[in-house]
Amino acid sequence: MGVVGDECIGGIEDAPTGAVMGSKNLKAIIVKGSGGINVFDPEGFLNACKYAMRMCCTGTADYFLRSASSKRSPICSQSCNVDCRIGSLFFNIESKFSSEKIESHQTFCVGSCWAVYGPHGGYEGGDIKVPEITGWNPEDGGVEIHRLCDDLGLDLWVLLVFQPWFVRCVELGIKKIGDLYLNPRDPIWFYNLLNKIANREGIGNILAEDLRRMTDTLRQKGNLPKELIKLSEELEFAYGFPAHREGRIWDPEPMPFWVVSALMYATESRDPTICTHASFLHLANLYLDDPKSFYLKFKPVAKRIWGTEKAFDPSFDYKAKVAVWCQHRHVLLDSLPLCDFIFPRVIKPFRTKEEWLKAENVYADVEIEAKLFLTCTGIDLSISDLEKACERIFNLERMILISKFDRDRNVDEQVEPHFELPCKTDKTRLNVRIFKKLLDEYYILRGWDLKTGYPVKEKLRSLGLND
């Protein structure tokens, strides 16, 4: 049985699911269940939930740096009482494209870029320029365009890829592509573009294949500047997935954060950062706000979790270990499942910067997941046991990629050129020699063959994957 359900940001995570369902002509079937789920230790589970809530009450680790807004509310789930300041609710919006009035609508994560005028993102360096994403305010059609994207089943990342690319076309003097006149910051133009893509009308037929394939098609016709080809490659450098949380085009992740991200991008098949917000990448915002204070406070946390304070040094050393840990925690959150903006709880919740600065010990509890799992199921697994299970899953996924999609080290190394672009905050970058060394360290920790990137038989057997 499969479940497809995600109202807030359906376009982001369900796009691959939607593509598979569409290609196989599958239909959604709704079945109303009966009965309930037995909890092994109801009282213990309730206490574990209360404890988890105390540790997670602010949602994101950088909560106090996020501005409060009357439009923001905990919206992921009807039972979520964490105000993470990431989602937004909009009420009584006058429609720009019809006579209908939108009584309420919600956005989350990158979805908010559609309904809140920017600028967002933007980058210039390494012979490319990525214009800022603007989106549109609710009264200008932002909420309605976001809703249309959801209704059409399109990926919400389409704004973060197509708008800057088309804006750059205009900046370079290109006013038309195929039958499409370019005006990518205009809400009516973008509203119509989404319909063209969904219905494969005109240029929308090749746009539906996404930016990289569209530029490949246009490149064969010989009518695209090299800069625009390179821009498309950088906007979707990770096997076609839009660039973000990589310290360049989208988010400000300085070293060491982008180094960990680079290793995850290299060794996964889709957005590797989607479940690593709380485990590592959101910590970059605390670091950027006050590097000295954060470094002093986080060193003992790094030693406790990863065995060395150097795991957080602004260098390339010890980052493979952090990447592996983040990937296992990604699998754990997907498996239980739990919210990746809250778990794992690396540092305690702080509502104000003053609380943060006064705290001597900021470590929270990265074993909350085991407490919840035990009291709910009665299965007594330590956090080490759970991480071992996650390692088994990750290696099984790797073997599927190898068997079905010819994944190997050569493929992993294809993301390296993107990280030769200078980081937007500290100008650090990779080169081929450093990246190969990082990948060697990662493969050794994983128990993968250094030449092929395949898990060795001994490693698979140790994980119980004998067949």
Protein backbone atom coordinates (compact mmCIF):
# COMPACT_ATOMS: atom_id res chain seq x y z
CA MET A 1 0.00 0.00 0.00
CA GLY A 2 1.28 3.48 -0.82
CA VAL A 3 0.23 6.84 0.55
CA VAL A 4 0.47 10.11 -1.36
CA GLY A 5 -0.47 13.01 0.87
CA ASP A 6 1.21 16.37 1.37
CA GLU A 7 -0.90 19.51 1.14
CA CYS A 8 1.66 22.12 2.16
CA ILE A 9 4.54 21.42 -0.20
CA GLY A 10 3.19 18.64 -2.35
CA GLY A 11 4.98 19.86 -5.41
CA ILE A 12 8.39 19.43 -3.85
CA GLU A 13 8.45 15.94 -2.47
CA ASP A 14 5.65 14.33 -4.43
CA ALA A 15 6.95 15.34 -7.86
CA PRO A 16 8.92 12.08 -8.26
CA THR A 17 5.91 10.12 -7.01
CA GLY A 18 3.64 11.98 -9.40
CA ALA A 19 5.98 11.29 -12.30
CA VAL A 20 5.97 7.56 -11.56
CA MET A 21 2.19 7.47 -11.13
CA GLY A 22 1.72 9.34 -14.39
CA SER A 23 4.10 7.19 -16.40
CA LYS A 24 2.45 4.01 -15.16
CA ASN A 25 -1.07 5.44 -15.49
CA LEU A 26 -1.73 4.83 -11.79
CA LYS A 27 -4.71 6.33 -10.00
CA ALA A 28 -5.11 7.41 -6.41
CA ILE A 29 -7.51 5.27 -4.39
CA ILE A 30 -8.89 6.54 -1.10
CA VAL A 31 -9.76 3.91 1.48
CA LYS A 32 -11.22 4.80 4.85
CA GLY A 33 -9.63 2.75 7.58
CA SER A 34 -11.16 1.43 10.77
CA GLY A 35 -9.90 0.79 14.24
CA GLY A 36 -6.70 2.27 15.58
CA ILE A 37 -3.05 1.61 16.27
CA ASN A 38 -2.07 -0.07 19.49
CA VAL A 39 0.62 1.75 21.46
CA PHE A 40 2.86 -0.56 23.48
CA ASP A 41 3.25 1.75 26.48
CA PRO A 42 0.66 4.55 26.28
CA GLU A 43 1.81 6.34 29.42
CA GLY A 44 5.48 5.97 28.53
CA PHE A 45 4.82 7.10 24.98
CA LEU A 46 2.94 10.16 26.21
CA ASN A 47 5.83 11.04 28.52
CA ALA A 48 8.30 10.54 25.67
CA CYS A 49 6.20 12.84 23.48
CA LYS A 50 6.08 15.49 26.20
CA TYR A 51 9.85 15.25 26.62
CA ALA A 52 10.35 15.51 22.88
CA MET A 53 8.09 18.56 22.80
CA ARG A 54 10.10 20.29 25.51
CA MET A 55 13.25 19.69 23.50
CA CYS A 56 11.68 20.68 20.19
CA CYS A 57 9.25 23.45 21.11
CA THR A 58 10.90 26.06 18.89
CA GLY A 59 11.10 23.86 15.83
CA THR A 60 14.22 24.96 13.99
CA ALA A 61 17.51 25.49 15.78
CA ASP A 62 17.68 29.03 14.41
CA TYR A 63 14.17 29.90 15.59
CA PHE A 64 15.08 33.15 17.34
CA LEU A 65 16.68 34.48 14.15
CA ARG A 66 13.45 34.04 12.19
CA SER A 67 11.06 36.98 12.27
CA ALA A 68 7.66 36.40 13.82
CA SER A 69 4.63 37.19 11.69
CA SER A 70 0.89 37.11 12.15
CA LYS A 71 0.76 35.15 8.90
CA ARG A 72 3.00 32.43 10.23
CA SER A 73 1.53 29.49 12.07
CA PRO A 74 2.30 25.80 12.64
CA ILE A 75 0.59 24.31 9.61
CA CYS A 76 2.32 21.07 8.67
CA SER A 77 -0.17 18.97 10.57
CA GLN A 78 -3.37 19.58 12.47
CA SER A 79 -1.68 18.10 15.53
CA CYS A 80 1.60 20.04 15.29
CA ASN A 81 1.99 22.67 17.98
CA VAL A 82 5.51 23.75 17.06
CA ASP A 83 5.79 27.28 15.68
CA CYS A 84 8.82 26.81 13.43
CA ARG A 85 8.28 30.13 11.61
CA ILE A 86 8.72 28.45 8.25
CA GLY A 87 5.14 28.08 7.06
CA SER A 88 2.66 30.84 6.28
CA LEU A 89 -1.12 31.09 6.22
CA PHE A 90 -3.02 33.55 4.03
CA PHE A 91 -6.68 34.51 4.38
CA ASN A 92 -9.28 36.27 2.21
CA ILE A 93 -7.13 36.86 -0.85
CA GLU A 94 -8.72 38.59 -3.82
CA SER A 95 -8.09 36.52 -6.93
CA LYS A 96 -6.15 38.11 -9.77
CA PHE A 97 -7.03 35.53 -12.40
CA SER A 98 -10.68 34.76 -11.65
CA SER A 99 -13.67 36.05 -9.71
CA GLU A 100 -13.12 33.52 -6.93
CA LYS A 101 -11.99 34.73 -3.52
CA ILE A 102 -9.39 32.57 -1.81
CA GLU A 103 -10.58 32.12 1.77
CA SER A 104 -7.37 30.51 3.00
CA HIS A 105 -4.15 29.10 1.64
CA GLN A 106 -0.92 27.84 3.14
CA THR A 107 2.67 27.79 1.98
CA PHE A 108 5.72 26.14 3.46
CA CYS A 109 9.47 26.12 2.93
CA VAL A 110 10.28 27.26 -0.64
CA GLY A 111 6.57 27.66 -1.27
CA SER A 112 6.70 30.93 0.63
CA CYS A 113 8.89 32.40 -2.12
CA TRP A 114 5.88 32.31 -4.41
CA ALA A 115 3.63 34.36 -2.14
CA VAL A 116 6.11 36.78 -0.55
CA TYR A 117 7.85 39.22 -2.86
CA GLY A 118 11.64 38.86 -2.70
CA PRO A 119 14.34 39.19 -3.53
CA HIS A 120 15.34 35.62 -2.69
CA GLY A 121 18.63 33.93 -3.51
CA GLY A 122 20.77 35.23 -6.34
CA TYR A 123 24.42 34.56 -7.13
CA GLU A 124 27.28 35.84 -9.22
CA GLY A 125 30.64 34.13 -9.63
CA GLY A 126 32.52 31.55 -11.67
CA ASP A 127 31.35 33.01 -15.00
CA ILE A 128 27.66 32.73 -14.19
CA LYS A 129 25.04 35.12 -12.90
CA VAL A 130 21.87 33.87 -11.22
CA PRO A 131 19.28 36.67 -11.01
CA GLU A 132 17.31 36.91 -7.80
CA ILE A 133 13.97 35.18 -7.46
CA THR A 134 11.18 37.61 -6.66
CA GLY A 135 7.87 35.81 -6.49
CA TRP A 136 4.78 37.96 -5.93
CA ASN A 137 2.87 39.34 -2.97
CA PRO A 138 -0.58 37.82 -2.30
CA GLU A 139 -2.44 40.79 -3.77
CA ASP A 140 -0.35 40.52 -6.95
CA GLY A 141 -1.22 36.87 -7.54
CA GLY A 142 1.47 35.07 -5.53
CA VAL A 143 -0.93 32.93 -3.51
CA GLU A 144 -3.01 32.07 -6.56
CA ILE A 145 0.01 31.09 -8.67
CA HIS A 146 1.28 28.90 -5.81
CA ARG A 147 -2.13 27.23 -5.61
CA LEU A 148 -2.17 26.69 -9.37
CA CYS A 149 1.23 24.99 -9.18
CA ASP A 150 -0.14 22.63 -6.53
CA ASP A 151 -3.36 22.02 -8.47
CA LEU A 152 -1.45 21.18 -11.65
CA GLY A 153 0.85 18.82 -9.77
CA LEU A 154 3.96 20.76 -10.74
CA ASP A 155 7.11 20.90 -8.65
CA LEU A 156 7.28 24.11 -6.60
CA TRP A 157 10.97 24.39 -7.46
CA VAL A 158 9.94 25.44 -10.97
CA LEU A 159 9.93 29.08 -9.81
CA LEU A 160 13.44 28.85 -8.39
CA VAL A 161 14.77 27.40 -11.63
CA PHE A 162 12.79 28.92 -14.48
CA GLN A 163 12.39 32.49 -13.23
CA PRO A 164 16.12 33.27 -12.79
CA TRP A 165 17.01 31.49 -16.03
CA PHE A 166 14.42 33.38 -18.08
CA VAL A 167 15.35 36.67 -16.38
CA ARG A 168 18.95 36.09 -17.40
CA CYS A 169 17.77 35.47 -20.96
CA VAL A 170 16.13 38.90 -20.96
CA GLU A 171 19.25 40.50 -19.48
CA LEU A 172 21.29 39.03 -22.34
CA GLY A 173 18.88 40.45 -24.92
CA ILE A 174 16.85 37.31 -25.63
CA LYS A 175 13.21 38.34 -25.73
CA LYS A 176 11.63 35.19 -27.15
CA ILE A 177 12.22 31.43 -27.04
CA GLY A 178 10.16 29.45 -29.51
CA ASP A 179 6.63 30.82 -29.33
CA LEU A 180 7.19 32.26 -25.84
CA TYR A 181 7.79 35.98 -25.33
CA LEU A 182 9.71 36.41 -22.07
CA ASN A 183 8.42 38.43 -19.13
CA PRO A 184 9.27 36.14 -16.19
CA ARG A 185 8.66 38.60 -13.37
CA ASP A 186 5.10 39.28 -14.48
CA PRO A 187 2.52 37.21 -12.52
CA ILE A 188 0.14 36.79 -15.47
CA TRP A 189 3.00 35.59 -17.67
CA PHE A 190 4.09 33.01 -15.09
CA TYR A 191 0.52 31.88 -14.46
CA ASN A 192 0.12 31.19 -18.16
CA LEU A 193 3.53 29.49 -18.29
CA LEU A 194 2.47 26.94 -15.67
CA ASN A 195 -0.59 26.05 -17.72
CA LYS A 196 1.54 25.70 -20.85
CA ILE A 197 3.91 23.34 -19.04
CA ALA A 198 1.14 21.21 -17.53
CA ASN A 199 -0.68 20.91 -20.86
CA ARG A 200 2.50 20.70 -22.97
CA GLU A 201 1.39 23.59 -25.16
CA GLY A 202 3.94 25.15 -27.50
CA ILE A 203 7.27 25.69 -25.75
CA GLY A 204 5.64 24.14 -22.68
CA ASN A 205 6.11 20.75 -24.33
CA ILE A 206 9.89 20.86 -23.85
CA LEU A 207 9.71 22.93 -20.65
CA ALA A 208 7.74 20.04 -19.15
CA GLU A 209 10.93 17.98 -19.41
CA ASP A 210 12.59 20.56 -17.11
CA LEU A 211 15.31 23.13 -17.65
CA ARG A 212 18.30 20.85 -18.34
CA ARG A 213 16.51 18.85 -21.03
CA MET A 214 15.05 22.00 -22.54
CA THR A 215 18.50 23.57 -22.89
CA ASP A 216 19.84 20.30 -24.33
CA THR A 217 17.11 20.48 -26.99
CA LEU A 218 17.78 24.14 -27.77
CA ARG A 219 21.54 23.59 -27.76
CA GLN A 220 21.18 21.00 -30.52
CA LYS A 221 19.55 23.72 -32.61
CA GLY A 222 22.57 25.93 -31.94
CA ASN A 223 20.69 28.99 -30.74
CA LEU A 224 21.62 29.32 -27.08
CA PRO A 225 24.55 31.33 -25.62
CA LYS A 226 27.05 29.20 -23.70
CA GLU A 227 26.39 31.19 -20.54
CA LEU A 228 22.74 30.11 -20.51
CA ILE A 229 23.70 26.48 -21.05
CA LYS A 230 26.12 26.65 -18.13
CA LEU A 231 23.54 28.45 -16.01
CA SER A 232 21.03 25.66 -16.53
CA GLU A 233 23.68 23.10 -15.59
CA GLU A 234 24.43 24.90 -12.33
CA LEU A 235 20.79 25.55 -11.45
CA GLU A 236 20.12 21.81 -11.70
CA PHE A 237 23.59 20.39 -11.12
CA ALA A 238 22.57 17.46 -8.92
CA TYR A 239 21.34 14.88 -11.42
CA GLY A 240 18.60 17.33 -12.42
CA PHE A 241 17.55 18.42 -8.93
CA PRO A 242 17.55 22.19 -8.26
CA ALA A 243 20.58 23.56 -6.44
CA HIS A 244 20.04 24.58 -2.82
CA ARG A 245 21.68 24.18 0.57
CA GLU A 246 25.00 24.06 -1.26
CA GLY A 247 26.39 27.47 -0.31
CA ARG A 248 26.17 29.02 -3.73
CA ILE A 249 23.02 29.74 -5.69
CA TRP A 250 20.43 29.58 -2.98
CA ASP A 251 21.35 29.42 0.71
CA PRO A 252 24.31 30.97 2.56
CA GLU A 253 26.10 27.84 3.77
CA PRO A 254 29.76 28.69 4.44
CA MET A 255 32.45 26.10 5.08
CA PRO A 256 32.13 23.57 6.71
CA PHE A 257 28.42 23.29 5.91
CA TRP A 258 28.65 23.20 2.12
CA VAL A 259 31.40 20.56 2.27
CA VAL A 260 29.06 18.14 4.04
CA SER A 261 26.34 19.07 1.56
CA ALA A 262 28.68 18.36 -1.38
CA LEU A 263 29.36 14.82 -0.15
CA MET A 264 25.66 14.15 0.30
CA TYR A 265 24.84 15.51 -3.15
CA ALA A 266 27.54 13.31 -4.66
CA THR A 267 26.29 10.07 -3.15
CA GLU A 268 22.49 10.37 -3.29
CA SER A 269 19.97 10.42 -6.10
CA ARG A 270 17.63 13.27 -5.19
CA ASP A 271 17.51 16.20 -2.79
CA PRO A 272 19.90 14.99 -0.07
CA THR A 273 19.34 17.97 2.21
CA ILE A 274 15.60 17.56 2.71
CA CYS A 275 16.07 15.75 6.03
CA THR A 276 19.28 17.40 7.19
CA HIS A 277 17.94 20.80 8.22
CA ALA A 278 18.05 20.11 11.95
CA SER A 279 20.98 17.70 11.88
CA PHE A 280 23.42 20.19 10.39
CA LEU A 281 22.53 22.68 7.66
CA HIS A 282 20.23 25.03 9.59
CA LEU A 283 23.03 25.50 12.10
CA ALA A 284 24.72 27.62 9.45
CA ASN A 285 22.33 30.46 10.25
CA LEU A 286 23.45 30.48 13.89
CA TYR A 287 27.06 30.37 12.77
CA LEU A 288 26.64 33.30 10.38
CA ASP A 289 24.86 35.38 13.02
CA ASP A 290 27.72 35.12 15.53
CA PRO A 291 30.59 32.85 14.39
CA LYS A 292 32.71 33.20 17.52
CA SER A 293 29.92 32.43 20.00
CA PHE A 294 28.56 29.56 17.95
CA TYR A 295 31.95 27.95 17.46
CA LEU A 296 32.68 28.03 21.20
CA LYS A 297 29.28 26.62 22.09
CA PHE A 298 29.16 23.98 19.39
CA LYS A 299 32.65 22.47 19.78
CA PRO A 300 31.64 20.21 22.71
CA VAL A 301 28.47 19.23 20.83
CA ALA A 302 30.53 18.23 17.80
CA LYS A 303 32.84 16.15 19.97
CA ARG A 304 29.93 14.40 21.66
CA ILE A 305 28.13 13.53 18.41
CA TRP A 306 30.98 13.01 15.93
CA GLY A 307 33.88 12.21 18.25
CA THR A 308 35.98 15.30 17.54
CA GLU A 309 35.67 19.07 17.76
CA LYS A 310 37.42 19.24 14.39
CA ALA A 311 34.27 17.96 12.71
CA PHE A 312 33.07 21.54 12.81
CA ASP A 313 36.33 23.24 11.85
CA PRO A 314 36.15 25.39 8.69
CA SER A 315 38.21 22.85 6.77
CA PHE A 316 37.79 19.72 4.66
CA ASP A 317 38.88 17.38 7.47
CA TYR A 318 36.44 15.04 9.24
CA LYS A 319 33.50 16.14 7.10
CA ALA A 320 32.89 12.70 5.61
CA LYS A 321 31.96 11.42 9.07
CA VAL A 322 29.42 14.21 9.50
CA ALA A 323 27.96 13.51 6.05
CA VAL A 324 27.48 9.81 6.83
CA TRP A 325 25.79 10.64 10.15
CA CYS A 326 23.46 13.15 8.49
CA GLN A 327 22.51 10.61 5.83
CA HIS A 328 21.68 7.96 8.41
CA ARG A 329 19.54 10.47 10.30
CA HIS A 330 17.84 11.35 7.03
CA VAL A 331 16.85 7.70 6.61
CA LEU A 332 15.72 7.50 10.24
CA LEU A 333 13.40 10.49 9.92
CA ASP A 334 11.92 9.10 6.72
CA SER A 335 11.41 5.69 8.32
CA LEU A 336 9.73 6.62 11.61
CA PRO A 337 8.67 9.26 10.26
CA LEU A 338 9.51 12.54 12.01
CA CYS A 339 9.83 16.18 11.00
CA ASP A 340 13.23 17.12 9.60
CA PHE A 341 12.89 20.74 10.72
CA ILE A 342 12.82 19.49 14.33
CA PHE A 343 14.80 16.24 14.48
CA PRO A 344 17.43 15.20 15.31
CA ARG A 345 17.63 17.54 18.27
CA VAL A 346 21.29 18.56 18.18
CA ILE A 347 20.91 21.70 20.32
CA LYS A 348 18.35 22.81 22.87
CA PRO A 349 15.48 25.12 21.94
CA PHE A 350 16.16 28.81 22.49
CA ARG A 351 13.42 31.39 22.09
CA THR A 352 15.69 34.43 22.25
CA LYS A 353 19.27 35.25 21.41
CA GLU A 354 19.82 36.24 25.03
CA GLU A 355 18.91 32.70 26.14
CA TRP A 356 21.30 31.31 23.56
CA LEU A 357 24.21 33.51 24.61
CA LYS A 358 23.74 32.79 28.33
CA ALA A 359 23.57 29.00 27.93
CA GLU A 360 26.74 27.09 28.82
CA ASN A 361 25.61 23.67 27.62
CA VAL A 362 23.58 23.81 24.39
CA TYR A 363 23.48 20.07 23.58
CA ALA A 364 19.95 18.64 23.51
CA ASP A 365 19.36 14.92 22.89
CA VAL A 366 19.94 13.04 19.64
CA GLU A 367 18.43 9.86 21.12
CA ILE A 368 14.84 11.11 21.37
CA GLU A 369 13.92 9.00 18.35
CA ALA A 370 14.83 5.79 20.19
CA LYS A 371 12.71 6.78 23.20
CA LEU A 372 9.69 7.41 20.99
CA PHE A 373 10.21 4.18 19.04
CA LEU A 374 10.53 1.99 22.14
CA THR A 375 7.48 3.28 23.98
CA CYS A 376 5.33 3.21 20.85
CA THR A 377 6.30 -0.21 19.47
CA GLY A 378 7.83 -2.07 22.40
CA ILE A 379 10.89 -2.84 20.28
CA ASP A 380 13.95 -2.06 22.35
CA LEU A 381 16.50 -0.62 19.93
CA SER A 382 19.18 1.82 20.98
CA ILE A 383 19.98 4.81 18.82
CA SER A 384 23.03 2.87 17.62
CA ASP A 385 20.76 -0.01 16.60
CA LEU A 386 18.50 2.38 14.69
CA GLU A 387 21.46 3.98 12.95
CA LYS A 388 22.68 0.51 11.97
CA ALA A 389 19.29 -0.16 10.40
CA CYS A 390 19.58 3.15 8.56
CA GLU A 391 23.01 2.17 7.29
CA ARG A 392 21.49 -1.05 5.98
CA ILE A 393 18.78 0.90 4.16
CA PHE A 394 21.27 3.36 2.70
CA ASN A 395 23.48 0.58 1.36
CA LEU A 396 20.48 -1.25 -0.06
CA GLU A 397 19.48 1.94 -1.88
CA ARG A 398 23.03 2.21 -3.18
CA MET A 399 22.90 -1.33 -4.56
CA ILE A 400 19.58 -0.56 -6.29
CA LEU A 401 21.14 2.53 -7.91
CA ILE A 402 24.11 0.42 -9.03
CA SER A 403 21.95 -2.41 -10.36
CA LYS A 404 19.25 -0.37 -12.07
CA PHE A 405 20.95 2.91 -12.96
CA ASP A 406 24.68 2.12 -13.36
CA ARG A 407 25.67 4.28 -10.40
CA ASP A 408 29.39 4.28 -9.64
CA ARG A 409 32.21 6.58 -8.61
CA ASN A 410 32.30 8.24 -12.01
CA VAL A 411 28.70 9.33 -11.52
CA ASP A 412 29.35 10.52 -7.96
CA GLU A 413 32.16 12.74 -9.18
CA GLN A 414 29.92 14.55 -11.67
CA VAL A 415 28.76 17.05 -9.05
CA GLU A 416 32.30 18.28 -8.31
CA PRO A 417 32.46 21.11 -10.90
CA HIS A 418 29.52 22.85 -9.24
CA PHE A 419 31.53 23.21 -6.05
CA GLU A 420 34.38 24.84 -7.92
CA LEU A 421 32.10 27.87 -7.94
CA PRO A 422 33.10 30.12 -5.02
CA CYS A 423 30.88 29.94 -1.95
CA LYS A 424 28.70 33.06 -1.83
CA THR A 425 29.57 33.83 1.81
CA ASP A 426 33.24 32.96 2.25
CA LYS A 427 34.49 32.33 -1.34
CA THR A 428 35.82 28.86 -0.46
CA ARG A 429 35.65 26.20 -3.16
CA LEU A 430 36.60 22.68 -4.17
CA ASN A 431 39.03 21.37 -6.73
CA VAL A 432 39.27 17.90 -8.24
CA ARG A 433 42.16 16.78 -6.01
CA ILE A 434 40.41 17.80 -2.78
CA PHE A 435 37.12 16.28 -3.86
CA LYS A 436 38.69 12.93 -4.74
CA LYS A 437 40.32 12.88 -1.30
CA LEU A 438 37.00 13.68 0.38
CA LEU A 439 35.28 10.93 -1.58
CA ASP A 440 38.03 8.47 -0.62
CA GLU A 441 37.45 9.26 3.06
CA TYR A 442 33.71 8.90 2.60
CA TYR A 443 34.01 5.54 0.80
CA ILE A 444 36.33 4.19 3.49
CA LEU A 445 33.83 5.11 6.21
CA ARG A 446 31.05 3.53 4.18
CA GLY A 447 32.97 0.36 3.38
CA TRP A 448 32.73 1.00 -0.35
CA ASP A 449 35.30 0.14 -2.99
CA LEU A 450 37.54 3.16 -3.65
CA LYS A 451 37.66 2.57 -7.39
CA THR A 452 34.05 1.70 -8.18
CA GLY A 453 32.06 3.16 -5.30
CA TYR A 454 30.34 -0.22 -4.81
CA PRO A 455 29.70 -1.52 -1.27
CA VAL A 456 32.14 -4.39 -0.72
CA LYS A 457 30.70 -7.85 0.02
CA GLU A 458 32.05 -7.89 3.56
CA LYS A 459 30.25 -4.65 4.32
CA LEU A 460 26.96 -5.91 2.94
CA ARG A 461 27.24 -9.16 4.91
CA SER A 462 27.94 -7.23 8.12
CA LEU A 463 24.64 -5.41 7.56
CA GLY A 464 22.72 -8.63 6.97
CA LEU A 465 22.46 -8.07 3.22
CA ASN A 466 23.72 -11.50 2.21
CA ASP A 467 21.76 -11.89 -1.02
